[in-house]
Amino acid sequence: MPLNPEQVEARARAMQDAFVEAARRNEWEWIADAFYAERCEYVCEYAGTMLVRASTRDEIRATHYGRDMRVGWEGWSFPIERYATHGNRIITHWWNRGPGRRPDGGYFQTPGVSFITVGDDGLFTAQLDLFDLAHQMHLCDELEDAGLLSPQLKQNWVIPTKRRLIEMLGRKLPGT
């Protein structure tokens, strides 16, 4: 039996709360078990530089909530600022929020959006994540300037991602 609008809304609120708890504990893998169906499709294309695709809960736990959240991301959070529901779909607006605060008290952050499909049992069957990777790289530069960027994150993710972006965007430029 399909979920009613209140049930879909409750799943969105529960995920919003779970992200706060996961950031507090700096433990993310449990979200895969709490929210994703055994067979589900997760996709994040990282602006064309890298494709993360998972087709099962175990793969989501191993990639998105495991490898991609483990080393170097300590102190980061990904709060869901708002969401909307329509039928069995949830659209979330969230932040890639780095550690610390700016001198003016604001956050070091860039926006992202997720498109989620909820199955009849309340578990997610599909998710597409999108965010502006160029702004994310700029944010990491700002964090490094402030002394807040993890050396592991810089080495394992920022530098390789910047190289892929430069290579991809440099193709077919005049004079190259």
N, C-alpha and C. Protein backbone atom coordinates (compact mmCIF):
# COMPACT_ATOMS: atom_id res chain seq x y z
N MET A 1 0.85 -1.18 0.00
CA MET A 1 0.00 0.00 0.00
C MET A 1 0.89 1.24 0.00
N PRO A 2 0.65 2.18 -0.92
CA PRO A 2 1.49 3.39 -0.98
C PRO A 2 1.41 4.21 0.30
N LEU A 3 2.48 4.90 0.59
CA LEU A 3 2.51 5.77 1.76
C LEU A 3 1.61 6.98 1.52
N ASN A 4 1.01 7.47 2.58
CA ASN A 4 0.23 8.69 2.46
C ASN A 4 1.17 9.89 2.62
N PRO A 5 0.72 11.09 2.29
CA PRO A 5 1.59 12.27 2.37
C PRO A 5 2.22 12.49 3.75
N GLU A 6 1.48 12.20 4.80
CA GLU A 6 2.02 12.39 6.16
C GLU A 6 3.16 11.42 6.43
N GLN A 7 3.07 10.21 5.90
CA GLN A 7 4.13 9.22 6.09
C GLN A 7 5.40 9.61 5.33
N VAL A 8 5.24 10.13 4.13
CA VAL A 8 6.40 10.58 3.35
C VAL A 8 7.05 11.76 4.07
N GLU A 9 6.24 12.68 4.55
CA GLU A 9 6.73 13.83 5.31
C GLU A 9 7.48 13.37 6.56
N ALA A 10 6.97 12.35 7.24
CA ALA A 10 7.64 11.82 8.43
C ALA A 10 9.00 11.24 8.09
N ARG A 11 9.13 10.60 6.94
CA ARG A 11 10.44 10.06 6.52
C ARG A 11 11.41 11.21 6.24
N ALA A 12 10.93 12.29 5.65
CA ALA A 12 11.80 13.44 5.38
C ALA A 12 12.28 14.06 6.70
N ARG A 13 11.38 14.22 7.65
CA ARG A 13 11.77 14.77 8.96
C ARG A 13 12.75 13.84 9.67
N ALA A 14 12.50 12.54 9.58
CA ALA A 14 13.39 11.58 10.22
C ALA A 14 14.79 11.64 9.63
N MET A 15 14.88 11.81 8.32
CA MET A 15 16.21 11.91 7.70
C MET A 15 16.89 13.22 8.12
N GLN A 16 16.12 14.28 8.18
CA GLN A 16 16.66 15.56 8.63
C GLN A 16 17.27 15.41 10.02
N ASP A 17 16.56 14.76 10.92
CA ASP A 17 17.05 14.52 12.28
C ASP A 17 18.26 13.59 12.28
N ALA A 18 18.22 12.57 11.42
CA ALA A 18 19.33 11.60 11.36
C ALA A 18 20.62 12.27 10.93
N PHE A 19 20.55 13.23 10.02
CA PHE A 19 21.77 13.92 9.58
C PHE A 19 22.38 14.73 10.71
N VAL A 20 21.55 15.31 11.55
CA VAL A 20 22.05 16.05 12.71
C VAL A 20 22.76 15.08 13.66
N GLU A 21 22.13 13.94 13.92
CA GLU A 21 22.72 12.94 14.81
C GLU A 21 24.00 12.35 14.23
N ALA A 22 24.03 12.05 12.94
CA ALA A 22 25.22 11.48 12.31
C ALA A 22 26.39 12.46 12.38
N ALA A 23 26.12 13.74 12.16
CA ALA A 23 27.18 14.75 12.26
C ALA A 23 27.68 14.86 13.69
N ARG A 24 26.77 14.80 14.64
CA ARG A 24 27.16 14.88 16.05
C ARG A 24 28.09 13.73 16.42
N ARG A 25 27.77 12.53 15.94
CA ARG A 25 28.56 11.34 16.27
C ARG A 25 29.72 11.12 15.31
N ASN A 26 29.72 11.82 14.16
CA ASN A 26 30.65 11.58 13.07
C ASN A 26 30.63 10.10 12.66
N GLU A 27 29.43 9.57 12.59
CA GLU A 27 29.18 8.20 12.13
C GLU A 27 28.02 8.26 11.14
N TRP A 28 28.25 7.77 9.93
CA TRP A 28 27.27 7.93 8.88
C TRP A 28 26.71 6.62 8.35
N GLU A 29 27.45 5.52 8.47
CA GLU A 29 27.05 4.27 7.83
C GLU A 29 25.66 3.80 8.24
N TRP A 30 25.28 4.03 9.49
CA TRP A 30 23.99 3.56 10.00
C TRP A 30 22.81 4.14 9.24
N ILE A 31 23.01 5.28 8.58
CA ILE A 31 21.91 5.90 7.82
C ILE A 31 21.48 4.98 6.68
N ALA A 32 22.42 4.26 6.08
CA ALA A 32 22.06 3.33 5.00
C ALA A 32 21.04 2.31 5.49
N ASP A 33 21.27 1.74 6.67
CA ASP A 33 20.35 0.73 7.21
C ASP A 33 19.01 1.34 7.63
N ALA A 34 19.04 2.54 8.12
CA ALA A 34 17.82 3.16 8.64
C ALA A 34 16.90 3.69 7.54
N PHE A 35 17.46 4.01 6.36
CA PHE A 35 16.65 4.72 5.37
C PHE A 35 16.57 4.08 3.99
N TYR A 36 17.45 3.18 3.65
CA TYR A 36 17.53 2.69 2.27
C TYR A 36 17.06 1.26 2.14
N ALA A 37 16.32 0.98 1.07
CA ALA A 37 15.88 -0.37 0.75
C ALA A 37 17.10 -1.22 0.38
N GLU A 38 16.95 -2.52 0.52
CA GLU A 38 18.05 -3.42 0.16
C GLU A 38 18.48 -3.22 -1.29
N ARG A 39 17.54 -3.08 -2.19
CA ARG A 39 17.82 -2.78 -3.59
C ARG A 39 17.41 -1.33 -3.82
N CYS A 40 18.37 -0.48 -4.06
CA CYS A 40 18.09 0.94 -4.28
C CYS A 40 19.17 1.50 -5.19
N GLU A 41 18.91 2.65 -5.74
CA GLU A 41 19.85 3.26 -6.67
C GLU A 41 20.25 4.63 -6.13
N TYR A 42 21.54 4.78 -5.83
CA TYR A 42 22.08 6.07 -5.39
C TYR A 42 23.06 6.54 -6.46
N VAL A 43 22.94 7.83 -6.86
CA VAL A 43 23.83 8.39 -7.86
C VAL A 43 24.24 9.79 -7.44
N CYS A 44 25.54 10.06 -7.52
CA CYS A 44 26.09 11.41 -7.41
C CYS A 44 27.18 11.51 -8.46
N GLU A 45 27.07 12.47 -9.35
CA GLU A 45 27.98 12.56 -10.49
C GLU A 45 29.17 13.48 -10.27
N TYR A 46 29.27 14.15 -9.16
CA TYR A 46 30.40 15.02 -8.85
C TYR A 46 30.83 15.86 -10.07
N ALA A 47 29.84 16.55 -10.64
CA ALA A 47 30.06 17.50 -11.74
C ALA A 47 30.75 16.87 -12.95
N GLY A 48 30.53 15.60 -13.18
CA GLY A 48 31.13 14.95 -14.32
C GLY A 48 32.55 14.47 -14.12
N THR A 49 33.12 14.71 -12.93
CA THR A 49 34.51 14.32 -12.69
C THR A 49 34.63 12.92 -12.11
N MET A 50 33.57 12.45 -11.48
CA MET A 50 33.60 11.15 -10.83
C MET A 50 32.15 10.73 -10.64
N LEU A 51 31.86 9.49 -10.95
CA LEU A 51 30.52 8.97 -10.75
C LEU A 51 30.51 8.04 -9.55
N VAL A 52 29.66 8.34 -8.59
CA VAL A 52 29.42 7.41 -7.49
C VAL A 52 28.03 6.84 -7.74
N ARG A 53 28.00 5.53 -7.97
CA ARG A 53 26.73 4.84 -8.22
C ARG A 53 26.71 3.61 -7.32
N ALA A 54 25.62 3.45 -6.61
CA ALA A 54 25.43 2.29 -5.76
C ALA A 54 24.04 1.73 -6.03
N SER A 55 23.93 0.41 -6.04
CA SER A 55 22.66 -0.24 -6.37
C SER A 55 22.06 -1.05 -5.23
N THR A 56 22.76 -1.10 -4.11
CA THR A 56 22.25 -1.83 -2.95
C THR A 56 22.55 -1.02 -1.69
N ARG A 57 21.87 -1.38 -0.62
CA ARG A 57 22.12 -0.74 0.67
C ARG A 57 23.58 -0.92 1.08
N ASP A 58 24.12 -2.12 0.88
CA ASP A 58 25.52 -2.36 1.25
C ASP A 58 26.46 -1.46 0.46
N GLU A 59 26.19 -1.26 -0.83
CA GLU A 59 27.04 -0.38 -1.65
C GLU A 59 26.91 1.07 -1.21
N ILE A 60 25.70 1.49 -0.83
CA ILE A 60 25.52 2.86 -0.33
C ILE A 60 26.31 3.04 0.97
N ARG A 61 26.23 2.05 1.84
CA ARG A 61 26.98 2.11 3.09
C ARG A 61 28.48 2.15 2.81
N ALA A 62 28.93 1.41 1.84
CA ALA A 62 30.37 1.32 1.53
C ALA A 62 30.89 2.56 0.81
N THR A 63 30.06 3.23 0.03
CA THR A 63 30.52 4.39 -0.74
C THR A 63 30.07 5.68 -0.10
N HIS A 64 28.84 6.06 -0.34
CA HIS A 64 28.34 7.37 0.07
C HIS A 64 28.44 7.62 1.57
N TYR A 65 28.00 6.69 2.37
CA TYR A 65 28.02 6.90 3.82
C TYR A 65 29.22 6.25 4.49
N GLY A 66 30.08 5.63 3.71
CA GLY A 66 31.27 4.99 4.25
C GLY A 66 32.51 5.69 3.75
N ARG A 67 33.07 5.19 2.69
CA ARG A 67 34.32 5.74 2.13
C ARG A 67 34.26 7.25 1.95
N ASP A 68 33.15 7.75 1.42
CA ASP A 68 33.07 9.17 1.09
C ASP A 68 32.85 10.07 2.31
N MET A 69 32.59 9.49 3.47
CA MET A 69 32.33 10.30 4.66
C MET A 69 33.33 10.04 5.78
N ARG A 70 34.23 9.12 5.59
CA ARG A 70 35.07 8.66 6.68
C ARG A 70 36.25 9.58 6.92
N VAL A 71 37.36 9.33 6.31
CA VAL A 71 38.60 10.01 6.63
C VAL A 71 38.64 11.42 6.03
N GLY A 72 38.93 12.38 6.88
CA GLY A 72 39.08 13.77 6.44
C GLY A 72 37.84 14.62 6.60
N TRP A 73 36.70 14.00 6.75
CA TRP A 73 35.45 14.75 6.84
C TRP A 73 35.03 15.02 8.28
N GLU A 74 35.91 14.74 9.22
CA GLU A 74 35.59 15.02 10.61
C GLU A 74 35.28 16.51 10.78
N GLY A 75 34.24 16.80 11.54
CA GLY A 75 33.85 18.19 11.76
C GLY A 75 32.91 18.74 10.71
N TRP A 76 32.70 18.00 9.63
CA TRP A 76 31.75 18.42 8.60
C TRP A 76 30.35 17.97 8.99
N SER A 77 29.36 18.69 8.49
CA SER A 77 27.97 18.26 8.64
C SER A 77 27.26 18.54 7.32
N PHE A 78 26.11 17.94 7.16
CA PHE A 78 25.35 18.06 5.92
C PHE A 78 23.88 18.28 6.26
N PRO A 79 23.61 19.36 7.01
CA PRO A 79 22.25 19.57 7.49
C PRO A 79 21.27 19.82 6.34
N ILE A 80 20.11 19.22 6.50
CA ILE A 80 19.02 19.43 5.55
C ILE A 80 18.26 20.66 6.02
N GLU A 81 18.38 21.74 5.25
CA GLU A 81 17.73 23.00 5.65
C GLU A 81 16.23 22.97 5.43
N ARG A 82 15.84 22.39 4.30
CA ARG A 82 14.41 22.33 4.00
C ARG A 82 14.17 21.16 3.06
N TYR A 83 12.93 20.78 2.96
CA TYR A 83 12.55 19.70 2.05
C TYR A 83 11.14 19.95 1.58
N ALA A 84 10.80 19.29 0.49
CA ALA A 84 9.44 19.30 -0.03
C ALA A 84 9.10 17.87 -0.41
N THR A 85 7.84 17.53 -0.32
CA THR A 85 7.39 16.20 -0.71
C THR A 85 6.31 16.33 -1.78
N HIS A 86 6.25 15.31 -2.62
CA HIS A 86 5.20 15.24 -3.64
C HIS A 86 5.00 13.75 -3.95
N GLY A 87 3.85 13.24 -3.63
CA GLY A 87 3.63 11.81 -3.81
C GLY A 87 4.64 11.04 -2.96
N ASN A 88 5.37 10.14 -3.59
CA ASN A 88 6.37 9.36 -2.87
C ASN A 88 7.78 9.91 -3.06
N ARG A 89 7.88 11.19 -3.34
CA ARG A 89 9.18 11.82 -3.58
C ARG A 89 9.48 12.90 -2.54
N ILE A 90 10.77 12.99 -2.23
CA ILE A 90 11.27 14.02 -1.32
C ILE A 90 12.38 14.76 -2.05
N ILE A 91 12.33 16.07 -1.99
CA ILE A 91 13.43 16.90 -2.49
C ILE A 91 13.99 17.63 -1.28
N THR A 92 15.29 17.47 -1.06
CA THR A 92 15.93 18.13 0.08
C THR A 92 16.93 19.17 -0.40
N HIS A 93 17.00 20.27 0.33
CA HIS A 93 18.04 21.27 0.16
C HIS A 93 18.91 21.17 1.39
N TRP A 94 20.20 20.84 1.19
CA TRP A 94 21.12 20.61 2.30
C TRP A 94 22.39 21.39 2.05
N TRP A 95 23.24 21.36 3.05
CA TRP A 95 24.51 22.09 2.99
C TRP A 95 25.69 21.13 3.14
N ASN A 96 26.72 21.34 2.35
CA ASN A 96 28.04 20.79 2.61
C ASN A 96 28.66 21.81 3.56
N ARG A 97 28.64 21.53 4.83
CA ARG A 97 29.07 22.51 5.83
C ARG A 97 30.40 22.07 6.45
N GLY A 98 31.42 22.87 6.21
CA GLY A 98 32.74 22.56 6.75
C GLY A 98 32.85 22.88 8.22
N PRO A 99 33.96 22.48 8.81
CA PRO A 99 34.17 22.76 10.24
C PRO A 99 34.41 24.24 10.50
N GLY A 100 34.15 24.65 11.71
CA GLY A 100 34.43 26.03 12.13
C GLY A 100 33.44 27.03 11.58
N ARG A 101 33.76 28.29 11.83
CA ARG A 101 32.92 29.41 11.39
C ARG A 101 33.79 30.47 10.73
N ARG A 102 33.17 31.25 9.89
CA ARG A 102 33.82 32.39 9.26
C ARG A 102 34.01 33.49 10.32
N PRO A 103 34.89 34.44 10.05
CA PRO A 103 35.09 35.53 11.03
C PRO A 103 33.80 36.29 11.36
N ASP A 104 32.86 36.34 10.39
CA ASP A 104 31.59 37.04 10.64
C ASP A 104 30.56 36.17 11.36
N GLY A 105 30.94 34.92 11.71
CA GLY A 105 30.05 34.02 12.41
C GLY A 105 29.28 33.07 11.49
N GLY A 106 29.31 33.33 10.18
CA GLY A 106 28.62 32.46 9.23
C GLY A 106 29.34 31.14 9.06
N TYR A 107 28.68 30.23 8.38
CA TYR A 107 29.25 28.91 8.14
C TYR A 107 30.09 28.90 6.87
N PHE A 108 31.06 28.01 6.83
CA PHE A 108 31.75 27.65 5.60
C PHE A 108 30.87 26.57 4.96
N GLN A 109 30.14 26.90 3.90
CA GLN A 109 29.21 25.93 3.35
C GLN A 109 28.88 26.21 1.89
N THR A 110 28.45 25.17 1.20
CA THR A 110 27.91 25.25 -0.16
C THR A 110 26.64 24.41 -0.21
N PRO A 111 25.67 24.78 -1.07
CA PRO A 111 24.40 24.08 -1.09
C PRO A 111 24.43 22.81 -1.94
N GLY A 112 23.51 21.92 -1.62
CA GLY A 112 23.28 20.72 -2.42
C GLY A 112 21.80 20.39 -2.41
N VAL A 113 21.41 19.50 -3.30
CA VAL A 113 20.01 19.07 -3.39
C VAL A 113 19.98 17.58 -3.65
N SER A 114 18.99 16.92 -3.07
CA SER A 114 18.77 15.49 -3.31
C SER A 114 17.34 15.27 -3.77
N PHE A 115 17.20 14.33 -4.69
CA PHE A 115 15.90 13.89 -5.18
C PHE A 115 15.76 12.43 -4.75
N ILE A 116 14.80 12.15 -3.90
CA ILE A 116 14.67 10.84 -3.26
C ILE A 116 13.30 10.25 -3.58
N THR A 117 13.29 8.95 -3.90
CA THR A 117 12.05 8.22 -4.09
C THR A 117 11.87 7.28 -2.90
N VAL A 118 10.69 7.30 -2.30
CA VAL A 118 10.40 6.49 -1.12
C VAL A 118 9.49 5.33 -1.53
N GLY A 119 9.89 4.11 -1.16
CA GLY A 119 9.09 2.93 -1.45
C GLY A 119 7.89 2.82 -0.52
N ASP A 120 7.00 1.90 -0.82
CA ASP A 120 5.79 1.71 -0.02
C ASP A 120 6.08 1.34 1.42
N ASP A 121 7.27 0.79 1.69
CA ASP A 121 7.65 0.41 3.06
C ASP A 121 8.34 1.54 3.81
N GLY A 122 8.46 2.73 3.17
CA GLY A 122 9.10 3.87 3.81
C GLY A 122 10.60 3.95 3.60
N LEU A 123 11.18 2.96 2.92
CA LEU A 123 12.62 2.97 2.65
C LEU A 123 12.88 3.59 1.28
N PHE A 124 14.01 4.24 1.16
CA PHE A 124 14.36 4.93 -0.08
C PHE A 124 14.77 3.92 -1.15
N THR A 125 14.23 4.10 -2.34
CA THR A 125 14.54 3.21 -3.46
C THR A 125 15.43 3.88 -4.50
N ALA A 126 15.52 5.21 -4.46
CA ALA A 126 16.38 5.93 -5.40
C ALA A 126 16.75 7.28 -4.80
N GLN A 127 17.97 7.73 -5.13
CA GLN A 127 18.42 9.06 -4.70
C GLN A 127 19.43 9.59 -5.71
N LEU A 128 19.24 10.84 -6.10
CA LEU A 128 20.18 11.56 -6.95
C LEU A 128 20.63 12.78 -6.17
N ASP A 129 21.94 12.91 -5.95
CA ASP A 129 22.51 14.06 -5.25
C ASP A 129 23.20 14.97 -6.26
N LEU A 130 22.98 16.27 -6.12
CA LEU A 130 23.61 17.27 -6.97
C LEU A 130 24.14 18.41 -6.11
N PHE A 131 25.34 18.86 -6.42
CA PHE A 131 25.87 20.07 -5.80
C PHE A 131 26.93 20.65 -6.71
N ASP A 132 27.23 21.91 -6.48
CA ASP A 132 28.17 22.64 -7.32
C ASP A 132 29.60 22.32 -6.87
N LEU A 133 30.27 21.48 -7.63
CA LEU A 133 31.59 21.02 -7.23
C LEU A 133 32.64 22.14 -7.28
N ALA A 134 32.52 23.07 -8.21
CA ALA A 134 33.48 24.18 -8.26
C ALA A 134 33.39 25.01 -6.98
N HIS A 135 32.18 25.30 -6.53
CA HIS A 135 32.03 26.02 -5.28
C HIS A 135 32.53 25.21 -4.09
N GLN A 136 32.36 23.89 -4.15
CA GLN A 136 32.87 23.03 -3.08
C GLN A 136 34.40 23.11 -3.02
N MET A 137 35.05 23.14 -4.17
CA MET A 137 36.52 23.25 -4.19
C MET A 137 36.97 24.61 -3.64
N HIS A 138 36.24 25.65 -4.01
CA HIS A 138 36.54 26.99 -3.48
C HIS A 138 36.35 27.01 -1.96
N LEU A 139 35.30 26.36 -1.47
CA LEU A 139 35.07 26.26 -0.04
C LEU A 139 36.24 25.57 0.65
N CYS A 140 36.74 24.49 0.05
CA CYS A 140 37.88 23.79 0.64
C CYS A 140 39.12 24.69 0.68
N ASP A 141 39.30 25.52 -0.34
CA ASP A 141 40.40 26.49 -0.32
C ASP A 141 40.24 27.46 0.84
N GLU A 142 39.02 27.94 1.04
CA GLU A 142 38.76 28.86 2.16
C GLU A 142 39.03 28.18 3.50
N LEU A 143 38.61 26.92 3.62
CA LEU A 143 38.86 26.18 4.85
C LEU A 143 40.37 26.00 5.08
N GLU A 144 41.10 25.73 4.01
CA GLU A 144 42.55 25.58 4.16
C GLU A 144 43.18 26.91 4.60
N ASP A 145 42.75 28.01 3.99
CA ASP A 145 43.26 29.33 4.39
C ASP A 145 42.98 29.62 5.86
N ALA A 146 41.86 29.10 6.37
CA ALA A 146 41.49 29.31 7.78
C ALA A 146 42.12 28.26 8.70
N GLY A 147 42.90 27.35 8.13
CA GLY A 147 43.53 26.30 8.94
C GLY A 147 42.56 25.21 9.37
N LEU A 148 41.45 25.04 8.64
CA LEU A 148 40.41 24.10 9.03
C LEU A 148 40.25 22.90 8.10
N LEU A 149 41.02 22.84 7.02
CA LEU A 149 40.89 21.72 6.09
C LEU A 149 41.80 20.59 6.52
N SER A 150 41.24 19.42 6.65
CA SER A 150 42.01 18.23 7.01
C SER A 150 43.04 17.93 5.94
N PRO A 151 44.29 17.68 6.32
CA PRO A 151 45.31 17.30 5.33
C PRO A 151 44.92 16.04 4.56
N GLN A 152 44.24 15.09 5.22
CA GLN A 152 43.80 13.88 4.54
C GLN A 152 42.75 14.18 3.48
N LEU A 153 41.82 15.07 3.81
CA LEU A 153 40.79 15.44 2.84
C LEU A 153 41.43 16.13 1.64
N LYS A 154 42.35 17.02 1.91
CA LYS A 154 43.03 17.71 0.81
C LYS A 154 43.75 16.71 -0.09
N GLN A 155 44.50 15.81 0.50
CA GLN A 155 45.29 14.86 -0.28
C GLN A 155 44.42 13.84 -1.00
N ASN A 156 43.43 13.30 -0.32
CA ASN A 156 42.65 12.19 -0.87
C ASN A 156 41.47 12.60 -1.72
N TRP A 157 40.98 13.84 -1.55
CA TRP A 157 39.77 14.21 -2.28
C TRP A 157 39.91 15.54 -3.01
N VAL A 158 40.38 16.59 -2.34
CA VAL A 158 40.40 17.92 -2.95
C VAL A 158 41.36 17.96 -4.14
N ILE A 159 42.59 17.57 -3.94
CA ILE A 159 43.58 17.65 -5.04
C ILE A 159 43.16 16.77 -6.22
N PRO A 160 42.82 15.49 -6.01
CA PRO A 160 42.40 14.69 -7.17
C PRO A 160 41.16 15.25 -7.87
N THR A 161 40.21 15.76 -7.09
CA THR A 161 38.99 16.30 -7.69
C THR A 161 39.30 17.56 -8.49
N LYS A 162 40.14 18.44 -7.96
CA LYS A 162 40.53 19.63 -8.72
C LYS A 162 41.22 19.25 -10.02
N ARG A 163 42.09 18.25 -9.96
CA ARG A 163 42.79 17.82 -11.18
C ARG A 163 41.81 17.30 -12.22
N ARG A 164 40.83 16.52 -11.78
CA ARG A 164 39.82 16.01 -12.73
C ARG A 164 38.99 17.16 -13.31
N LEU A 165 38.62 18.12 -12.48
CA LEU A 165 37.87 19.28 -12.98
C LEU A 165 38.67 20.07 -14.01
N ILE A 166 39.93 20.35 -13.70
CA ILE A 166 40.78 21.11 -14.61
C ILE A 166 40.93 20.36 -15.93
N GLU A 167 41.20 19.07 -15.86
CA GLU A 167 41.35 18.27 -17.08
C GLU A 167 40.07 18.28 -17.90
N MET A 168 38.95 18.06 -17.24
CA MET A 168 37.67 18.02 -17.95
C MET A 168 37.33 19.37 -18.57
N LEU A 169 37.49 20.45 -17.81
CA LEU A 169 37.11 21.77 -18.31
C LEU A 169 38.14 22.33 -19.30
N GLY A 170 39.37 21.82 -19.26
CA GLY A 170 40.40 22.30 -20.18
C GLY A 170 40.29 21.71 -21.57
N ARG A 171 39.53 20.64 -21.72
CA ARG A 171 39.35 20.03 -23.04
C ARG A 171 38.72 21.01 -24.00
N LYS A 172 39.26 21.08 -25.17
CA LYS A 172 38.72 21.87 -26.28
C LYS A 172 38.77 23.38 -26.04
N LEU A 173 39.60 23.83 -25.09
CA LEU A 173 39.80 25.27 -24.97
C LEU A 173 40.71 25.72 -26.11
N PRO A 174 40.48 26.90 -26.65
CA PRO A 174 41.36 27.40 -27.70
C PRO A 174 42.82 27.41 -27.20
N GLY A 175 43.70 26.97 -28.05
CA GLY A 175 45.13 26.99 -27.68
C GLY A 175 45.56 25.76 -26.91
N THR A 176 44.66 24.79 -26.72
CA THR A 176 45.07 23.57 -26.01
C THR A 176 45.06 22.39 -26.94
